[in-house]
Protein backbone atom coordinates (compact mmCIF):
# COMPACT_ATOMS: atom_id res chain seq x y z
CA MET A 1 -91.23 15.81 -6.31
CA ASN A 2 -88.27 14.80 -4.23
CA ALA A 3 -86.45 15.97 -1.13
CA VAL A 4 -83.16 15.36 0.66
CA ILE A 5 -83.17 14.48 4.36
CA THR A 6 -79.91 14.64 6.30
CA VAL A 7 -79.35 13.39 9.83
CA LEU A 8 -76.26 14.16 11.92
CA GLY A 9 -75.53 13.44 15.55
CA LYS A 10 -74.29 11.02 18.17
CA ASP A 11 -74.96 7.44 17.13
CA THR A 12 -77.79 5.76 19.03
CA VAL A 13 -80.05 2.79 18.40
CA GLY A 14 -83.09 3.43 16.19
CA ILE A 15 -82.25 6.61 14.32
CA LEU A 16 -82.84 5.11 10.86
CA ALA A 17 -85.94 3.28 12.11
CA LYS A 18 -87.50 6.40 13.59
CA VAL A 19 -86.87 8.62 10.56
CA SER A 20 -88.03 5.99 8.05
CA SER A 21 -91.13 5.27 10.17
CA GLU A 22 -92.08 8.95 10.20
CA CYS A 23 -91.63 9.09 6.44
CA ALA A 24 -93.82 6.02 5.95
CA ASP A 25 -96.54 7.45 8.21
CA VAL A 26 -97.05 10.36 5.80
CA HIS A 27 -96.49 8.35 2.57
CA VAL A 28 -92.99 9.68 1.88
CA ASN A 29 -91.13 7.01 -0.10
CA ILE A 30 -87.43 6.50 0.54
CA ILE A 31 -85.68 6.16 -2.81
CA GLU A 32 -82.07 6.01 -1.67
CA VAL A 33 -80.30 6.06 1.67
CA THR A 34 -76.68 6.11 2.75
CA GLN A 35 -75.40 6.17 6.28
CA SER A 36 -72.11 6.00 8.13
CA VAL A 37 -70.93 5.92 11.70
CA LEU A 38 -67.58 7.60 12.18
CA GLN A 39 -66.09 7.51 15.66
CA GLY A 40 -69.54 7.57 17.24
CA LEU A 41 -70.96 10.22 14.89
CA PHE A 42 -73.99 9.10 12.86
CA ALA A 43 -74.42 10.63 9.39
CA MET A 44 -77.25 9.77 7.00
CA ILE A 45 -78.53 11.14 3.72
CA MET A 46 -81.90 10.08 2.36
CA PHE A 47 -83.31 10.91 -1.06
CA VAL A 48 -87.09 10.69 -0.80
CA ASP A 49 -90.15 11.01 -3.03
CA ILE A 50 -92.65 13.45 -1.51
CA SER A 51 -95.19 13.28 -4.37
CA ASN A 52 -97.71 11.36 -2.27
CA CYS A 53 -96.98 13.05 1.05
CA THR A 54 -100.19 13.44 3.05
CA VAL A 55 -99.07 16.58 4.91
CA PRO A 56 -97.78 19.93 3.64
CA PHE A 57 -94.00 20.03 3.09
CA SER A 58 -93.56 22.59 5.88
CA GLN A 59 -95.29 20.24 8.31
CA LEU A 60 -92.98 17.39 7.27
CA VAL A 61 -89.96 19.62 7.88
CA ASP A 62 -91.24 20.71 11.30
CA SER A 63 -92.14 17.16 12.34
CA LEU A 64 -88.74 15.72 11.42
CA THR A 65 -86.94 18.68 13.01
CA ASP A 66 -88.84 18.07 16.26
CA THR A 67 -88.10 14.34 16.10
CA GLY A 68 -84.41 15.10 15.69
CA GLU A 69 -84.42 17.38 18.72
CA LYS A 70 -86.07 14.68 20.83
CA MET A 71 -83.49 12.11 19.67
CA GLY A 72 -80.53 14.45 20.12
CA VAL A 73 -79.65 14.62 16.42
CA LYS A 74 -80.00 17.32 13.77
CA ILE A 75 -82.46 16.46 10.98
CA HIS A 76 -82.61 18.77 7.98
CA VAL A 77 -85.12 18.43 5.14
CA MET A 78 -84.57 20.26 1.87
CA HIS A 79 -86.74 20.24 -1.25
CA GLU A 80 -84.88 18.89 -4.27
CA ASP A 81 -85.35 22.18 -6.17
CA ILE A 82 -83.56 24.12 -3.43
CA PHE A 83 -80.84 21.48 -3.19
CA ASN A 84 -80.25 21.59 -6.96
CA ALA A 85 -80.22 25.39 -7.04
CA MET A 86 -77.62 25.52 -4.25
CA HIS A 87 -75.33 23.09 -6.05
CA LYS A 88 -75.68 24.39 -9.57
CA ILE A 89 -72.63 26.03 -11.10
């Protein structure tokens, strides 16, 4: 099972490190990541494997959402099935 994690907000040091560290702590494997900084705005999309995640998906979502709030960025986690359903024609 996979998920998509997006991060948006003011660019600061350590955003990628913090998000990837939280993923590693619960055995979420980062498959692909892309990030950009545009005029001080940080944008990142991660495609992750949640098959071996050691916490329920809802707890992962809540944890990353809380982390984002503490860092001043918006972190959104969406299960791949939902993502695919939203973008299916």
